[in-house]
Protein backbone atom coordinates (compact mmCIF):
# COMPACT_ATOMS: atom_id res chain seq x y z
CA ALA A 1 179.74 150.83 159.16
CA GLU A 2 182.22 148.48 157.30
CA ARG A 3 183.93 148.01 160.57
CA ARG A 4 180.78 147.05 162.51
CA ALA A 5 180.01 144.73 159.89
CA MET A 6 183.38 142.96 160.07
CA ILE A 7 182.94 142.64 163.90
CA ARG A 8 179.58 141.26 163.56
CA ALA A 9 180.77 138.65 160.78
CA ALA A 10 183.59 137.47 163.10
CA ALA A 11 181.45 137.23 166.07
CA LEU A 12 178.76 135.01 163.94
CA ARG A 13 181.66 132.80 162.74
CA LYS A 14 182.70 132.09 166.44
CA ALA A 15 178.91 131.69 167.40
CA MET A 16 178.59 128.80 164.78
CA ALA A 17 181.72 126.96 166.13
CA PRO A 18 180.95 123.74 168.18
CA PRO A 19 179.54 124.50 171.67
CA LEU A 20 182.65 125.08 174.02
CA PHE A 21 181.34 122.36 176.71
CA GLN A 22 182.03 119.44 173.90
CA SER A 23 185.72 120.47 174.03
CA SER A 24 186.91 119.06 177.31
CA PRO A 25 184.00 118.22 179.89
CA ALA A 26 186.69 116.70 182.38
CA VAL A 27 188.71 119.95 182.28
CA MET A 28 185.46 121.90 182.98
CA ALA A 29 184.39 119.88 185.87
CA SER A 30 187.65 120.95 187.63
CA ASN A 31 186.83 124.71 187.22
CA PRO A 32 183.33 126.12 188.45
CA HIS A 33 183.91 129.25 186.63
CA SER A 34 184.25 127.63 183.35
CA VAL A 35 181.14 125.56 183.83
CA LEU A 36 179.17 128.77 184.57
CA SER A 37 180.75 130.52 181.38
CA ILE A 38 179.56 127.56 179.38
CA ILE A 39 176.14 127.78 180.84
CA HIS A 40 175.80 131.64 180.13
CA PHE A 41 177.25 131.25 176.61
CA HIS A 42 174.81 128.53 175.73
CA GLN A 43 171.97 130.75 177.12
CA TYR A 44 172.93 133.62 174.76
CA ARG A 45 173.41 131.46 171.77
CA LEU A 46 169.86 129.97 172.27
CA ARG A 47 168.31 133.28 173.68
CA ALA A 48 166.91 131.14 176.30
CA GLY A 49 166.19 133.79 178.72
CA SER A 50 167.07 131.57 181.51
CA PRO A 51 170.11 129.37 182.40
CA VAL A 52 167.58 126.50 183.07
CA ALA A 53 167.47 125.52 179.50
CA ALA A 54 171.25 125.87 179.11
CA LEU A 55 171.81 123.79 182.10
CA SER A 56 169.57 120.96 180.93
CA SER A 57 171.39 121.28 177.27
CA VAL A 58 174.76 120.74 178.79
CA ALA A 59 174.28 118.42 181.70
CA ALA A 60 174.64 115.26 179.75
CA ALA A 61 178.10 116.31 178.28
CA LEU A 62 179.43 116.78 181.73
CA SER A 63 181.24 114.56 184.18
CA PRO A 64 179.47 113.52 187.42
CA VAL A 65 181.32 116.08 189.33
CA ALA A 66 180.44 118.95 187.01
CA ARG A 67 176.88 117.53 187.08
CA SER A 68 176.65 118.10 190.84
CA GLU A 69 178.10 121.39 190.33
CA LEU A 70 175.15 122.15 187.62
CA ALA A 71 172.58 120.73 189.95
CA ALA A 72 173.24 123.29 192.76
CA GLU A 73 173.17 126.12 190.09
CA LYS A 74 169.87 124.84 188.75
CA ASP A 75 168.03 125.03 192.12
CA PHE A 76 168.93 128.49 192.23
CA PHE A 77 167.04 129.60 189.06
CA SER A 78 163.55 129.74 188.26
CA MET A 79 161.49 130.94 185.18
CA GLU A 80 158.29 133.52 185.13
CA ASN A 81 156.98 135.12 182.19
CA GLY A 82 160.06 134.58 180.15
CA ARG A 83 162.29 136.58 182.87
CA THR A 84 164.78 135.20 185.20
CA PHE A 85 164.68 135.42 188.89
CA SER A 86 166.23 133.93 191.96
CA SER A 87 163.88 131.49 193.85
CA THR A 88 164.16 133.86 196.77
CA ALA A 89 163.39 137.63 196.20
CA LEU A 90 166.49 139.66 196.32
CA VAL A 91 167.24 143.00 198.26
CA VAL A 92 169.71 145.89 197.65
CA VAL A 93 171.30 147.44 200.91
CA SER A 94 173.52 150.41 201.12
CA PHE A 95 175.54 151.05 204.03
CA TYR A 96 178.06 153.18 205.64
CA LYS A 97 179.87 154.07 209.04
CA PHE A 98 182.66 156.29 209.91
CA ALA A 99 185.25 154.80 212.17
CA ASP A 100 189.01 154.63 213.01
CA LEU A 101 189.80 151.22 211.21
CA THR A 102 193.54 151.04 211.73
CA ASP A 103 193.55 147.47 210.39
CA PHE A 104 191.27 147.96 207.44
CA VAL A 105 193.76 145.88 205.19
CA GLU A 106 193.44 142.90 207.13
CA MET A 107 189.49 143.34 207.22
CA ARG A 108 189.25 142.60 203.50
CA GLN A 109 189.98 139.08 202.74
CA PRO A 110 187.61 137.63 205.43
CA LEU A 111 184.79 140.13 204.29
CA LYS A 112 185.33 139.11 200.53
CA GLU A 113 185.10 135.43 201.29
CA LEU A 114 182.02 135.86 203.27
CA CYS A 115 180.16 137.55 200.46
CA GLN A 116 181.31 134.94 198.05
CA LYS A 117 180.27 132.07 200.29
CA LEU A 118 176.89 133.70 200.67
CA ARG A 119 176.45 134.59 196.98
CA VAL A 120 176.38 138.33 197.84
CA SER A 121 177.19 140.55 195.15
CA GLY A 122 178.29 144.36 195.09
CA GLY A 123 180.99 146.60 195.91
CA ILE A 124 182.34 147.54 199.34
CA ILE A 125 185.11 150.00 200.21
CA LEU A 126 187.21 149.84 203.33
CA ALA A 127 189.46 152.78 204.42
CA PRO A 128 191.20 154.03 207.56
CA GLU A 129 188.23 156.43 208.10
CA GLY A 130 185.32 153.75 207.88
CA ILE A 131 183.34 151.46 205.43
CA ASN A 132 180.80 152.09 202.46
CA GLY A 133 179.18 149.65 200.51
CA SER A 134 175.95 148.53 198.32
CA ILE A 135 175.42 144.79 198.21
CA CYS A 136 172.70 142.40 196.82
CA GLY A 137 171.57 139.21 197.60
CA THR A 138 168.79 137.28 199.39
CA PRO A 139 167.53 138.84 202.50
CA GLU A 140 169.19 136.16 204.81
CA ALA A 141 172.53 136.30 203.08
CA VAL A 142 172.60 140.19 203.13
CA HIS A 143 171.72 140.32 206.86
CA ASN A 144 174.11 137.67 207.58
CA VAL A 145 176.91 139.98 206.00
CA LEU A 146 175.74 143.12 207.85
CA GLU A 147 175.79 141.17 211.20
CA SER A 148 179.17 140.08 210.56
CA ILE A 149 180.51 143.64 209.82
CA GLN A 150 178.64 145.03 212.97
CA ALA A 151 180.26 142.25 215.36
CA ASP A 152 183.21 144.66 215.28
CA LYS A 153 182.23 147.26 218.07
CA ARG A 154 183.53 150.12 215.98
CA LEU A 155 181.14 149.31 213.26
CA ALA A 156 178.12 148.79 215.25
CA ASN A 157 174.84 150.56 214.26
CA LEU A 158 175.60 150.83 210.68
CA ARG A 159 173.57 153.26 208.96
CA HIS A 160 171.80 151.73 206.08
CA THR A 161 169.01 151.62 203.80
CA GLU A 162 167.23 148.60 202.17
CA SER A 163 165.18 148.34 199.29
CA PRO A 164 163.88 145.38 196.90
CA ALA A 165 166.00 144.57 194.04
CA GLY A 166 164.45 145.13 190.68
CA PRO A 167 164.22 142.66 187.55
CA GLU A 168 167.39 144.24 186.30
CA ASP A 169 169.46 143.98 189.44
CA GLU A 170 168.14 140.40 189.79
CA SER A 171 169.29 139.45 186.22
CA ILE A 172 172.65 141.13 186.60
CA HIS A 173 173.28 139.35 190.26
CA HIS A 174 172.76 136.05 188.54
CA GLY A 175 175.17 136.88 185.65
CA HIS A 176 173.25 137.23 182.64
CA THR A 177 171.37 140.17 181.29
CA GLU A 178 170.56 141.51 177.88
CA LYS A 179 169.61 144.93 179.06
CA SER A 180 172.98 146.56 179.86
CA PRO A 181 176.29 146.50 178.22
CA LEU A 182 177.75 146.70 181.83
CA GLY A 183 175.88 143.56 182.70
CA ALA A 184 179.09 141.53 182.51
CA GLY A 185 181.53 144.03 183.04
CA GLU A 186 183.76 145.33 185.82
CA ASP A 187 181.45 148.35 186.32
CA ALA A 188 178.48 146.36 186.96
CA PRO A 189 177.44 147.09 190.67
CA PHE A 190 175.67 143.75 191.51
CA ARG A 191 177.16 140.53 189.49
CA TRP A 192 176.48 137.10 190.41
CA ASN A 193 179.21 135.43 192.78
CA HIS A 194 181.23 138.66 192.49
CA VAL A 195 181.94 141.32 194.96
CA ARG A 196 184.55 144.08 195.12
CA VAL A 197 185.93 144.74 198.22
CA LYS A 198 188.48 147.72 197.52
CA LEU A 199 190.97 149.14 199.81
CA LYS A 200 190.83 153.25 199.55
CA ASN A 201 192.54 156.16 201.40
CA GLU A 202 188.90 157.42 201.98
CA VAL A 203 185.55 156.17 201.70
CA VAL A 204 184.24 159.18 200.18
CA PRO A 205 187.34 161.21 198.86
CA LEU A 206 187.22 164.82 199.93
CA GLY A 207 190.87 165.28 199.65
CA VAL A 208 191.35 166.84 203.25
CA PRO A 209 193.17 164.50 205.38
CA SER A 210 192.45 166.63 208.69
CA VAL A 211 188.85 165.83 208.29
CA SER A 212 187.61 163.22 210.60
CA PRO A 213 184.05 162.34 210.75
CA ALA A 214 184.68 159.64 213.20
CA LYS A 215 185.48 162.30 215.83
CA ILE A 216 183.23 165.31 214.80
CA VAL A 217 180.08 165.88 212.53
CA GLY A 218 176.92 168.08 212.30
CA LYS A 219 173.73 167.23 213.94
CA TYR A 220 171.68 164.50 212.35
CA VAL A 221 168.03 165.51 211.30
CA LYS A 222 165.20 162.70 210.87
CA PRO A 223 163.26 162.88 207.66
CA LYS A 224 160.08 163.70 209.60
CA ASP A 225 162.01 166.94 211.09
CA TRP A 226 163.75 167.96 207.83
CA ASN A 227 160.88 170.08 206.51
CA SER A 228 160.50 172.39 209.58
CA LEU A 229 164.56 172.90 209.56
CA VAL A 230 164.90 173.76 205.95
CA GLN A 231 161.97 176.38 206.22
CA LYS A 232 163.56 178.26 208.95
CA PRO A 233 164.34 181.72 208.11
CA GLY A 234 168.22 181.86 207.97
CA THR A 235 168.78 178.22 206.91
CA VAL A 236 170.84 177.75 203.72
CA VAL A 237 170.20 174.25 202.41
CA VAL A 238 173.21 172.88 200.30
CA ASP A 239 173.11 170.02 198.01
CA VAL A 240 176.54 168.54 198.29
CA ARG A 241 176.12 165.99 195.33
CA ASN A 242 177.49 166.65 191.86
CA THR A 243 175.85 168.67 189.21
CA TYR A 244 174.52 165.67 186.88
CA GLU A 245 172.88 164.23 189.91
CA ILE A 246 171.02 167.41 190.90
CA ARG A 247 170.11 167.97 187.43
CA ILE A 248 167.30 165.50 187.69
CA GLY A 249 166.11 166.35 191.37
CA LYS A 250 166.75 168.39 194.37
CA PHE A 251 164.83 169.76 197.43
CA LYS A 252 163.07 173.01 196.96
CA GLY A 253 165.22 176.16 197.17
CA ALA A 254 168.52 174.00 197.70
CA VAL A 255 171.82 175.69 196.43
CA ASN A 256 173.72 173.69 193.79
CA PRO A 257 177.55 174.10 194.18
CA GLN A 258 177.89 173.28 190.64
CA THR A 259 180.64 170.51 191.48
CA THR A 260 181.70 167.63 189.28
CA SER A 261 183.17 165.62 192.11
CA PHE A 262 183.09 165.63 195.84
CA ARG A 263 186.64 166.84 195.99
CA GLU A 264 185.61 170.20 194.61
CA PHE A 265 183.36 171.02 197.75
CA PRO A 266 186.17 172.27 199.94
CA LEU A 267 187.09 175.04 197.39
CA TRP A 268 183.43 176.06 196.95
CA VAL A 269 183.00 176.39 200.69
CA GLU A 270 186.11 178.79 200.79
CA HIS A 271 184.74 180.81 197.85
CA HIS A 272 181.10 181.11 198.57
CA LEU A 273 180.28 180.31 202.28
CA LEU A 274 183.21 182.09 203.83
CA THR A 275 184.42 185.79 202.95
CA GLN A 276 187.78 187.29 204.13
CA GLU A 277 186.40 188.89 207.16
CA SER A 278 184.63 185.55 208.10
CA LYS A 279 187.76 183.51 207.82
CA GLN A 280 189.47 185.90 210.04
CA ASN A 281 186.62 186.34 212.72
CA ARG A 282 184.93 183.06 212.30
CA VAL A 283 181.82 184.80 213.83
CA SER A 284 178.29 184.60 211.87
CA SER A 285 175.84 187.46 212.05
CA PRO A 286 172.22 186.83 211.86
CA CYS A 287 170.47 187.09 208.62
CA HIS A 288 167.12 186.44 206.66
CA LEU A 289 167.47 184.31 203.56
CA GLU A 290 164.72 184.01 201.43
CA ILE A 291 165.18 181.72 198.25
CA SER A 292 162.90 181.66 195.30
CA PRO A 293 162.52 178.53 193.26
CA SER A 294 164.32 180.19 190.47
CA ALA A 295 167.12 180.53 192.48
CA ALA A 296 167.60 177.05 193.26
CA GLY A 297 170.42 176.49 191.02
CA SER A 298 172.30 179.78 191.82
CA SER A 299 175.32 180.03 193.81
CA VAL A 300 174.62 180.99 197.66
CA ALA A 301 176.72 184.09 196.85
CA ASP A 302 173.88 185.39 194.66
CA PHE A 303 171.33 185.80 197.46
CA ILE A 304 173.29 186.04 200.57
CA THR A 305 174.68 189.63 201.35
CA PRO A 306 178.36 189.86 202.76
CA PRO A 307 177.35 190.67 206.25
CA CYS A 308 175.68 187.46 206.63
CA TYR A 309 178.54 185.46 206.06
CA PRO A 310 179.13 182.85 207.06
CA PRO A 311 175.53 181.44 207.08
CA ARG A 312 174.01 181.04 210.80
CA ARG A 313 172.58 177.80 209.87
CA VAL A 314 173.49 175.30 207.07
CA ALA A 315 171.49 172.16 206.39
CA MET A 316 173.05 169.71 203.89
CA TYR A 317 171.93 166.44 202.05
CA CYS A 318 173.19 163.80 199.72
CA THR A 319 171.85 160.66 198.19
CA GLY A 320 172.38 158.20 201.27
CA GLY A 321 173.81 160.50 203.90
CA ILE A 322 177.62 159.68 203.78
CA ARG A 323 178.69 162.53 201.58
CA CYS A 324 176.86 165.13 203.51
CA GLU A 325 177.85 163.68 206.88
CA LYS A 326 181.71 164.18 205.80
CA ALA A 327 180.79 167.65 204.50
CA THR A 328 179.40 168.68 207.93
CA SER A 329 182.73 167.69 209.53
CA PHE A 330 184.63 169.64 207.16
CA LEU A 331 182.31 172.73 207.86
CA MET A 332 182.77 172.33 211.61
CA SER A 333 186.58 172.28 210.93
CA LYS A 334 186.09 175.85 209.42
CA GLY A 335 184.28 177.24 212.46
CA PHE A 336 180.66 176.68 211.41
CA LYS A 337 178.46 176.30 214.51
CA GLU A 338 175.06 175.25 213.30
CA VAL A 339 175.63 172.33 210.81
CA TYR A 340 172.99 169.74 210.12
CA HIS A 341 172.60 166.89 207.73
CA LEU A 342 169.55 164.60 206.71
CA GLU A 343 169.85 161.24 208.29
CA GLY A 344 169.70 158.47 205.88
CA GLY A 345 169.87 161.17 202.98
CA ILE A 346 167.31 161.79 200.03
CA LEU A 347 166.61 157.93 199.95
CA LYS A 348 165.37 157.94 203.62
CA TYR A 349 163.38 161.07 203.14
CA LEU A 350 161.76 159.42 199.92
CA GLU A 351 160.94 156.28 201.73
CA GLU A 352 159.36 157.87 204.60
CA ILE A 353 157.60 161.17 203.80
CA PRO A 354 154.41 161.04 201.83
CA LEU A 355 154.37 163.04 198.50
CA THR A 356 151.64 165.37 199.73
CA GLU A 357 154.06 166.56 202.43
CA SER A 358 157.29 166.35 200.22
CA LEU A 359 159.62 169.30 199.37
CA TRP A 360 161.34 167.09 196.93
CA GLU A 361 161.40 167.94 193.47
CA GLY A 362 162.03 165.41 190.64
CA GLU A 363 163.81 161.91 191.00
CA CYS A 364 166.88 160.90 193.01
CA PHE A 365 169.89 159.47 191.01
CA VAL A 366 171.36 156.31 192.37
CA PHE A 367 174.41 154.43 191.58
CA ASP A 368 173.08 151.19 190.78
CA LYS A 369 170.95 149.62 187.61
CA ARG A 370 167.63 151.54 188.97
CA VAL A 371 169.25 154.91 187.89
CA SER A 372 166.72 156.89 189.43
CA VAL A 373 164.01 156.76 192.05
CA GLY A 374 160.77 158.46 193.13
CA HIS A 375 158.86 158.70 196.19
CA GLY A 376 158.41 155.29 198.04
CA LEU A 377 161.61 154.41 196.25
CA LYS A 378 159.56 153.33 193.21
CA GLN A 379 161.58 152.98 189.94
CA GLY A 380 162.33 156.38 188.28
CA THR A 381 162.22 157.10 184.44
CA TYR A 382 165.74 157.88 183.79
CA GLN A 383 168.00 155.59 181.97
CA LEU A 384 171.99 155.57 181.95
CA CYS A 385 174.25 156.63 179.02
CA TYR A 386 176.76 153.84 179.16
CA ALA A 387 179.31 156.23 177.51
CA CYS A 388 179.37 158.91 180.42
CA LYS A 389 177.39 157.04 183.07
CA LYS A 390 175.06 160.12 183.51
CA PRO A 391 171.26 159.91 183.67
CA ILE A 392 169.22 160.47 180.61
CA SER A 393 165.52 160.99 179.99
CA ASP A 394 163.26 159.82 177.22
CA GLU A 395 163.66 163.64 175.82
CA ASP A 396 167.41 163.25 175.80
CA MET A 397 167.25 160.03 173.70
CA LYS A 398 165.40 162.17 170.96
CA SER A 399 168.66 164.21 170.46
CA PRO A 400 170.77 163.60 167.47
CA GLU A 401 173.81 163.41 169.69
CA TRP A 402 172.19 160.27 171.28
CA GLU A 403 173.56 156.97 169.98
CA GLU A 404 173.00 153.98 172.44
CA GLY A 405 176.26 152.98 174.32
CA VAL A 406 178.25 155.52 172.45
CA SER A 407 177.02 159.03 173.23
CA CYS A 408 174.30 161.37 174.67
CA PRO A 409 173.67 165.12 174.81
CA TYR A 410 176.02 165.56 177.81
CA CYS A 411 179.11 163.82 176.55
CA PHE A 412 178.78 163.80 172.74
CA PHE A 413 181.08 166.83 172.50
CA THR A 414 183.48 165.56 175.03
CA LYS A 415 184.27 162.23 173.25
CA SER A 416 186.80 161.92 170.64
CA HIS A 417 186.18 159.99 167.49
CA GLU A 418 188.44 157.16 168.42
CA GLU A 419 186.39 156.99 172.02
CA LYS A 420 183.26 156.90 169.97
CA GLU A 421 184.33 154.02 167.59
CA ARG A 422 185.44 151.96 170.52
CA ALA A 423 182.28 152.36 172.18
CA ARG A 424 180.47 151.23 168.88
CA ALA A 425 182.57 148.00 168.88
CA ARG A 426 181.45 147.13 172.42
CA GLN A 427 177.94 147.91 171.56
CA VAL A 428 178.13 145.49 168.81
CA GLN A 429 179.64 142.79 171.15
CA PHE A 430 176.97 143.37 173.63
CA GLU A 431 174.16 143.21 170.83
CA LEU A 432 175.63 139.97 169.36
CA TRP A 433 176.57 138.23 172.99
CA GLY A 434 174.56 140.11 175.59
CA MET A 435 177.87 140.65 177.29
CA ILE A 436 181.20 142.82 176.46
CA GLY A 437 184.42 140.88 175.68
CA GLY A 438 183.11 137.24 174.96
CA ILE A 439 182.13 134.73 177.32
CA GLY A 440 185.35 134.61 179.03
CA LYS A 441 185.20 138.14 180.33
CA GLY A 442 186.55 138.24 183.86
CA ARG A 443 187.23 134.70 184.21
CA ARG A 444 190.42 132.70 184.41
CA PRO A 445 191.30 130.84 181.16
CA VAL A 446 191.17 127.19 181.00
CA PHE A 447 193.62 125.24 178.81
CA HIS A 448 193.76 121.77 177.20
CA GLY A 449 196.57 119.35 178.12
CA ASP A 450 198.39 120.49 174.84
CA ASN A 451 198.20 124.28 176.34
CA THR A 452 195.68 125.27 173.98
CA LEU A 453 192.85 127.46 175.00
CA LEU A 454 189.41 125.54 175.68
CA GLY A 455 187.24 126.11 172.77
CA GLN A 456 189.73 126.34 170.06
């Protein structure tokens, strides 16, 4: 408590210092990023709820060049019921495609510059095996980015899902939010004028270099045909997501491999879908599989007798389709013949299938600020523990292990005392400033002529 009080006192002393924009308008005018930092800083000091008030406050102190910069920003914001929104509704689009991209390194910079030019935020991964991303922006801007990507014939017909951005995504996209400690941090999925285009060895890490989804995958199943497939006798339904995702929602009767990362999936297949005999013969014998709801979280070995190995028919699913598509490629490399995966993943199923016909139970975890969604892709009820990035319910937050920004029942006993203290310090910063690390987080420092830091 004493340490938190000291941090809070230091932050308050800093907040009472003269506004940074008074230090050197000329210097700020030459650096658009510093102008925006001043806007966001002033916004938090005044708790204005929108940059509009901050823009009006600082405009008179800036040079004509800086004022023109601000004028462009001012047109981008509007005020409604005390909340900040873009003048145009935003959308969130998740997309991917497996393809042989030998020039993936050269693709990075042009794609990043295009997103920055169009004010598209989010994260994109490029790898030799393809592309995977989730971006946020105006419909026109996002579609322009997708068109540019698909201009490459190898990436034509991207598999993608689109949904409206919620108020939280919009607030983060514009670079100012008081709802999430990650709002101004590197882990925030949608930050204004910020897109991460990363180079990786795999778009989804499986750890098996020989697997190539660009060459062979299982059979796609449309959401409308999914129910009939998974209800056929002999079909084993496998959820290829991680345990913390499955914890809040799954398809009825699906097998939970109990993995903590996708890299563990191949080992689970070897131990549970293949026996020594089937590894040698690669021949599957017919079997009838009956799964009760109580067995949904069990290992497949608990209710398939050895003569049925490997299962005659395997149907897999994941959030958006990318992990299960790669998983089907792995299973086919192991000799499985009938392998299916849900096209568009759970999100497409929830979007298209009415609740009255659905086999989905619970909510679907998503890797953005919505945290979870339900049928019709409506906002779910879960929140995120910012200590472990796992979903938590209202009931979880009643636990004595819950401390906002520090721990939850799922990570309390895995965090050391030092880790919790650091988390508490970050949470204090967030509560005071609305961001982590101060107004310069992620910005290039701006200096006076005498080489002292701007604002000192």
